[in-house]
Protein backbone atom coordinates (compact mmCIF):
# COMPACT_ATOMS: atom_id res chain seq x y z
CA MET A 1 67.79 -10.81 -10.99
CA ASN A 2 64.37 -11.57 -12.23
CA VAL A 3 61.36 -12.72 -9.67
CA THR A 4 58.76 -14.62 -10.91
CA GLN A 5 55.30 -14.39 -9.50
CA ASP A 6 53.47 -17.59 -8.18
CA PRO A 7 50.19 -16.99 -10.00
CA HIS A 8 48.67 -18.99 -6.89
CA GLN A 9 50.63 -16.97 -4.30
CA ARG A 10 48.09 -16.05 -1.73
CA HIS A 11 47.08 -12.03 -0.96
CA GLU A 12 45.56 -10.99 2.32
CA VAL A 13 42.25 -9.24 1.85
CA LYS A 14 40.48 -7.02 4.45
CA VAL A 15 37.17 -8.10 5.74
CA ASP A 16 34.72 -5.25 6.31
CA LEU A 17 31.68 -5.31 8.18
CA MET A 18 29.02 -3.10 6.95
CA ALA A 19 25.01 -2.20 8.08
CA VAL A 20 22.23 -1.38 6.41
CA VAL A 21 20.28 0.05 9.29
CA ALA A 22 16.56 1.27 8.32
CA ALA A 23 14.13 2.89 10.24
CA VAL A 24 10.66 4.84 9.56
CA ILE A 25 10.90 8.41 11.18
CA ASP A 26 8.23 11.02 10.49
CA ASN A 27 6.98 8.73 7.77
CA CYS A 28 10.07 8.87 6.03
CA PRO A 29 12.14 5.86 5.49
CA ARG A 30 15.65 6.39 6.76
CA ALA A 31 19.47 4.48 7.23
CA LEU A 32 21.80 5.23 10.00
CA THR A 33 24.89 6.74 8.59
CA ILE A 34 28.18 8.29 9.72
CA LYS A 35 30.44 10.58 7.83
CA GLN A 36 27.87 13.46 7.37
CA GLY A 37 25.73 10.99 5.66
CA LYS A 38 28.49 9.77 2.95
CA ALA A 39 28.95 6.18 4.59
CA LEU A 40 27.26 3.42 6.16
CA PRO A 41 28.39 2.18 9.64
CA SER A 42 30.93 -0.52 9.23
CA GLY A 43 34.51 -1.55 10.09
CA PRO A 44 36.89 -4.50 10.05
CA PHE A 45 36.17 -7.97 10.90
CA GLU A 46 39.05 -8.46 14.10
CA LEU A 47 40.17 -11.51 15.85
CA GLY A 48 38.38 -10.23 18.88
CA HIS A 49 35.16 -10.38 17.51
CA ARG A 50 33.01 -13.13 18.40
CA SER A 51 31.56 -13.88 15.39
CA LEU A 52 30.67 -11.49 12.06
CA GLN A 53 27.53 -10.14 13.81
CA ALA A 54 28.97 -9.37 17.05
CA GLY A 55 31.64 -7.68 15.22
CA LEU A 56 29.47 -5.78 13.22
CA ARG A 57 26.80 -4.61 16.62
CA ASP A 58 30.12 -3.46 18.11
CA TRP A 59 30.84 -1.45 14.97
CA VAL A 60 27.50 -0.14 14.82
CA GLU A 61 27.48 1.18 18.53
CA GLN A 62 30.43 2.64 18.50
CA GLN A 63 30.07 4.87 15.58
CA THR A 64 26.46 5.80 16.04
CA GLY A 65 25.74 4.78 19.54
CA HIS A 66 22.99 2.80 18.42
CA ARG A 67 22.38 -0.94 19.86
CA LEU A 68 20.89 -3.26 17.01
CA GLY A 69 18.11 -5.37 17.40
CA TYR A 70 17.15 -7.48 14.48
CA ILE A 71 19.50 -7.79 11.77
CA GLU A 72 20.02 -10.40 9.17
CA GLN A 73 23.13 -11.28 6.55
CA LEU A 74 22.35 -9.03 3.35
CA TYR A 75 25.24 -9.81 0.57
CA THR A 76 28.85 -10.05 0.42
CA PHE A 77 30.66 -7.81 -2.21
CA ALA A 78 33.80 -8.24 -3.35
CA ASP A 79 33.74 -7.02 -7.09
CA ARG A 80 37.62 -5.26 -7.55
CA ASP A 81 36.52 -2.19 -10.13
CA ARG A 82 33.40 -1.26 -7.58
CA MET A 83 35.91 0.02 -5.14
CA ALA A 84 37.53 2.82 -6.68
CA ASP A 85 38.35 4.96 -3.56
CA GLU A 86 39.59 2.10 -1.40
CA PRO A 87 43.58 0.88 -2.00
CA GLU A 88 43.08 -2.51 -1.05
CA ARG A 89 41.03 -5.30 -1.82
CA ALA A 90 38.58 -5.90 0.69
CA ILE A 91 35.40 -8.21 1.30
CA SER A 92 31.93 -6.39 2.49
CA ILE A 93 29.41 -8.80 4.55
CA SER A 94 27.05 -6.82 5.06
CA TYR A 95 23.82 -7.06 7.32
CA LEU A 96 20.13 -5.49 7.09
CA GLY A 97 19.16 -4.25 10.55
CA LEU A 98 15.68 -3.33 11.40
CA THR A 99 15.09 -0.46 14.39
CA ARG A 100 13.68 2.14 15.79
CA ASP A 101 15.49 5.47 16.83
CA GLU A 102 15.07 5.04 20.68
CA ARG A 103 17.62 7.98 21.59
CA LYS A 104 17.30 8.73 25.14
CA ASP A 105 17.54 12.50 26.54
CA GLY A 106 20.86 13.94 26.10
CA GLN A 107 22.43 11.41 23.81
CA ALA A 108 23.85 13.16 20.57
CA PRO A 109 21.19 12.82 17.55
CA ARG A 110 22.18 10.25 15.07
CA ASP A 111 22.61 10.43 11.56
CA TRP A 112 19.49 9.35 9.93
CA ARG A 113 19.36 9.86 6.16
CA SER A 114 16.20 9.80 4.06
CA TRP A 115 16.83 6.81 1.28
CA TYR A 116 15.28 9.23 -1.09
CA ASP A 117 18.31 11.34 -0.75
CA TYR A 118 20.04 9.16 -2.53
CA PHE A 119 17.83 7.46 -4.90
CA PRO A 120 15.35 10.20 -5.71
CA TRP A 121 13.69 8.29 -8.34
CA GLU A 122 12.54 5.65 -6.36
CA ASP A 123 9.63 7.46 -4.19
CA HIS A 124 6.12 7.32 -6.32
CA ARG A 125 4.19 7.93 -3.24
CA LYS A 126 2.92 11.37 -5.35
CA GLY A 127 3.32 9.55 -8.47
CA PRO A 128 6.33 9.02 -10.83
CA PRO A 129 8.83 11.89 -9.56
CA ALA A 130 9.81 14.38 -12.43
CA ILE A 131 13.59 13.25 -11.85
CA LEU A 132 12.85 10.13 -14.25
CA ALA A 133 11.52 11.99 -17.19
CA ASP A 134 13.39 15.09 -16.83
CA PHE A 135 17.21 13.87 -16.44
CA ILE A 136 17.47 9.93 -15.84
CA LEU A 137 15.04 8.73 -18.92
CA PRO A 138 16.42 11.16 -21.79
CA ARG A 139 20.20 10.46 -20.56
CA LEU A 140 20.03 6.62 -20.51
CA LYS A 141 18.35 6.64 -24.01
CA VAL A 142 21.62 8.44 -25.55
CA TRP A 143 23.87 5.51 -23.58
CA ALA A 144 21.21 2.62 -24.80
CA GLU A 145 21.89 4.07 -28.61
CA GLY A 146 25.85 4.82 -27.76
CA PRO A 147 28.74 2.83 -28.07
CA GLY A 148 29.10 -0.68 -26.49
CA GLU A 149 28.58 -4.40 -27.34
CA GLU A 150 25.25 -4.43 -25.79
CA ALA A 151 23.55 -1.14 -27.54
CA GLY A 152 20.64 -0.77 -28.96
CA GLU A 153 17.40 -3.15 -28.47
CA GLU A 154 19.38 -5.20 -25.52
CA ARG A 155 19.81 -1.85 -23.59
CA TYR A 156 16.46 -0.84 -24.68
CA HIS A 157 14.82 -4.02 -23.00
CA ARG A 158 16.83 -3.58 -19.71
CA ILE A 159 15.69 0.14 -19.23
CA ALA A 160 12.15 -0.56 -19.97
CA VAL A 161 12.08 -3.71 -17.46
CA ALA A 162 14.33 -1.90 -14.87
CA PHE A 163 11.76 1.44 -15.39
CA GLY A 164 8.28 0.31 -15.91
CA LEU A 165 8.70 1.53 -19.61
CA ASP A 166 6.57 -0.05 -22.78
CA GLY A 167 3.26 -0.75 -21.05
CA ARG A 168 5.27 -2.55 -17.74
CA PRO A 169 4.36 -1.83 -14.29
CA TRP A 170 7.23 -0.14 -12.04
CA ASN A 171 8.50 -2.71 -9.67
CA GLU A 172 9.59 -1.00 -6.61
CA GLU A 173 11.86 -3.74 -5.56
CA LEU A 174 14.17 -3.88 -8.71
CA VAL A 175 16.13 -0.95 -6.63
CA LEU A 176 19.66 -2.11 -7.50
CA GLN A 177 18.67 -2.85 -10.79
CA ARG A 178 17.89 0.54 -11.39
CA TYR A 179 21.09 1.57 -9.58
CA GLU A 180 23.36 -0.89 -11.72
CA LEU A 181 22.02 0.54 -14.86
CA LEU A 182 22.93 4.29 -14.01
CA TYR A 183 26.35 3.07 -12.62
CA GLU A 184 26.86 1.25 -16.31
CA ALA A 185 25.69 4.32 -17.80
CA GLY A 186 28.13 6.22 -15.83
CA LEU A 187 25.08 8.34 -14.84
CA VAL A 188 25.96 8.41 -10.83
CA ASP A 189 28.76 10.31 -8.89
CA GLU A 190 30.46 6.94 -8.36
CA ALA A 191 31.11 5.54 -11.65
CA LEU A 192 32.66 8.79 -12.43
CA ARG A 193 35.52 8.76 -9.98
CA GLY A 194 39.17 8.39 -11.17
CA ARG A 195 38.09 8.96 -14.77
CA LYS A 196 39.32 11.57 -16.91
CA GLY A 197 38.21 13.37 -19.71
CA SER A 198 34.58 15.08 -19.95
CA HIS A 199 31.55 13.12 -19.15
CA THR A 200 27.69 13.30 -18.67
CA PRO A 201 27.01 15.25 -15.33
CA PRO A 202 25.56 12.58 -13.00
CA VAL A 203 21.97 12.50 -11.92
CA PRO A 204 20.59 14.42 -9.10
CA GLY A 205 21.26 11.84 -5.62
CA ARG A 206 23.61 11.95 -3.00
CA SER A 207 26.59 9.65 -3.68
CA MET A 208 28.56 7.54 -0.79
CA ILE A 209 31.87 6.36 -0.55
CA ALA A 210 33.19 3.60 -2.13
CA ASP A 211 30.42 1.09 -2.92
CA HIS A 212 28.17 2.17 0.25
CA ARG A 213 25.25 3.37 -2.06
CA ARG A 214 25.26 0.22 -3.90
CA ILE A 215 24.69 -1.50 -0.76
CA LEU A 216 22.22 0.47 0.42
CA ALA A 217 20.13 -0.09 -2.71
CA THR A 218 20.72 -3.84 -1.89
CA GLY A 219 19.50 -3.58 1.55
CA ILE A 220 16.16 -1.36 -0.15
CA ALA A 221 15.26 -4.05 -2.32
CA ARG A 222 15.36 -6.76 0.47
CA LEU A 223 13.27 -4.63 3.03
CA ARG A 224 10.68 -4.04 -0.36
CA THR A 225 10.68 -7.51 -0.84
CA LYS A 226 10.42 -8.43 2.28
CA ILE A 227 7.66 -6.44 3.59
CA LYS A 228 5.02 -8.59 1.13
CA TYR A 229 5.89 -11.89 2.71
CA ARG A 230 7.21 -11.51 6.37
CA PRO A 231 5.65 -9.13 9.09
CA VAL A 232 8.90 -7.61 9.24
CA VAL A 233 7.64 -4.32 9.36
CA PHE A 234 6.55 -4.48 13.26
CA GLU A 235 10.37 -4.56 13.79
CA LEU A 236 9.75 -0.24 12.53
CA MET A 237 7.03 0.25 14.53
CA PRO A 238 6.33 1.62 17.80
CA PRO A 239 5.06 -1.06 20.84
CA VAL A 240 1.33 0.93 19.69
CA PHE A 241 0.06 2.62 17.02
CA THR A 242 -2.86 3.35 14.99
CA LEU A 243 -3.76 1.73 11.45
CA LEU A 244 -3.21 4.87 9.14
CA GLN A 245 0.44 4.55 11.18
CA LEU A 246 1.04 1.32 10.01
CA GLN A 247 -0.24 2.05 6.57
CA ARG A 248 2.24 5.02 6.57
CA ALA A 249 4.90 3.13 7.22
CA VAL A 250 4.25 0.35 4.46
CA GLU A 251 4.32 3.40 2.56
CA ALA A 252 7.14 4.74 2.92
CA LEU A 253 9.26 1.82 2.57
CA SER A 254 7.69 0.59 -0.70
CA GLY A 255 7.61 4.13 -1.80
CA ARG A 256 4.26 3.08 -3.24
CA LEU A 257 0.60 4.33 -1.81
CA VAL A 258 -1.83 1.69 -0.92
CA HIS A 259 -5.53 1.26 -1.27
CA LYS A 260 -6.59 2.23 2.46
CA GLN A 261 -9.72 -0.03 2.94
CA ASN A 262 -7.45 -3.03 1.03
CA PHE A 263 -5.04 -2.60 3.34
CA ARG A 264 -6.89 -2.72 6.31
CA ARG A 265 -9.14 -5.68 4.93
CA LEU A 266 -5.75 -7.83 4.63
CA ILE A 267 -4.67 -7.04 8.13
CA GLU A 268 -7.65 -8.31 9.79
CA GLN A 269 -7.45 -11.23 7.67
CA GLN A 270 -4.10 -11.94 8.72
CA GLU A 271 -4.38 -11.05 12.36
CA LEU A 272 -1.42 -9.44 12.29
CA VAL A 273 -2.90 -7.20 14.81
CA GLU A 274 -4.94 -6.71 18.15
CA GLU A 275 -6.76 -3.77 19.48
CA THR A 276 -5.38 -2.40 22.83
CA GLY A 277 -8.48 -0.72 24.07
CA GLU A 278 -7.26 2.64 23.86
CA THR A 279 -7.25 5.46 21.74
CA THR A 280 -5.27 8.39 20.40
CA SER A 281 -6.49 12.11 19.61
CA GLU A 282 -3.31 12.94 17.62
CA THR A 283 -4.84 12.24 14.30
CA ARG A 284 -7.50 14.80 12.64
CA GLY A 285 -11.26 13.98 13.38
CA ARG A 286 -12.58 11.43 16.17
CA PRO A 287 -9.87 9.32 18.23
CA ALA A 288 -8.14 6.85 16.67
CA LYS A 289 -7.82 3.49 17.49
CA LEU A 290 -4.35 2.07 18.78
CA PHE A 291 -3.43 -1.69 18.15
CA ARG A 292 -0.32 -3.52 19.04
CA PHE A 293 1.10 -6.93 16.84
CA ARG A 294 -0.25 -9.93 18.55
CA PRO A 295 2.10 -12.14 20.41
CA VAL A 296 1.97 -14.87 17.75
CA VAL A 297 3.16 -12.18 15.02
CA LEU A 298 6.30 -11.55 17.12
CA MET A 299 7.19 -15.03 18.11
CA GLU A 300 6.78 -16.20 14.67
CA ARG A 301 8.57 -13.49 13.10
CA THR A 302 10.26 -15.73 10.62
CA ALA A 303 7.41 -17.87 9.87
CA ALA A 304 6.55 -17.84 6.02
CA GLY A 305 2.89 -17.25 5.49
CA THR A 306 2.13 -14.19 7.44
CA LYS A 307 1.88 -11.14 4.73
CA LEU A 308 1.84 -7.91 4.44
CA PRO A 309 1.87 -7.09 0.53
CA VAL A 310 1.47 -3.75 -0.55
CA ILE A 311 -1.40 -3.07 -2.89
CA ARG A 312 -0.99 -0.50 -5.82
CA ALA A 313 -4.10 2.17 -5.29
């Protein structure tokens, strides 16, 4: 007996909650991970969860021992062809969380991994990384000239925009676009899973399970954009800090250096911080003043117009 499948038949879809949790630790932007850095904290949305955010907070605390503070919804992912190592169709609802590693004595260390372990081409604090000229751009050129409907001029244009070629500036916000190009060109490990036959070895950069590195790239891009128009960086800073520590945090997140004098002038003009009246001798030279974010900034964390832009040196 032949059974014709109803094209309108509904199928169950798994809904996963996923967290990109960012912190700046030792002047390095880090993501909270599980499974030896191969995955982001995540888990299925269950009927017992009061809300999506409550479910996410439960999973992150269970898997990492970390209680989330500030979070915002990031993006919903549902691409069938990007989940090669997941047997069933899943929708991933992702969130961006900003925090500090405030582990107490006696607690197990959390698995904070540098962003740049996964995206080594994104750190330009010491200039363009060698991986771009040595590995990435030559292979993208070969891909641009290869087979495909978009081969040639269109691919070259996309590469030039994403990687700042032909007189274009490097745009630190295009993290996802750069990863997507490398994926499309078959130059990251995630794109090669399940493929048979010979292929070009992937470029350096730690891979993750399923689509987790793509989601991490999305979170990094969101945060790099937000620090330019909202004072979200205070979520990543200790209660008191020096202006140099604040500058180093912004540089770590953006992957770019900033002009010290211009940066401090902008901080003063926007009245983001106030002096505590105390100093610290932990820095070289004379004691540095300690600052804290002004209470009005903490209360108006979602208000537009309070800018903390990245200034190119």
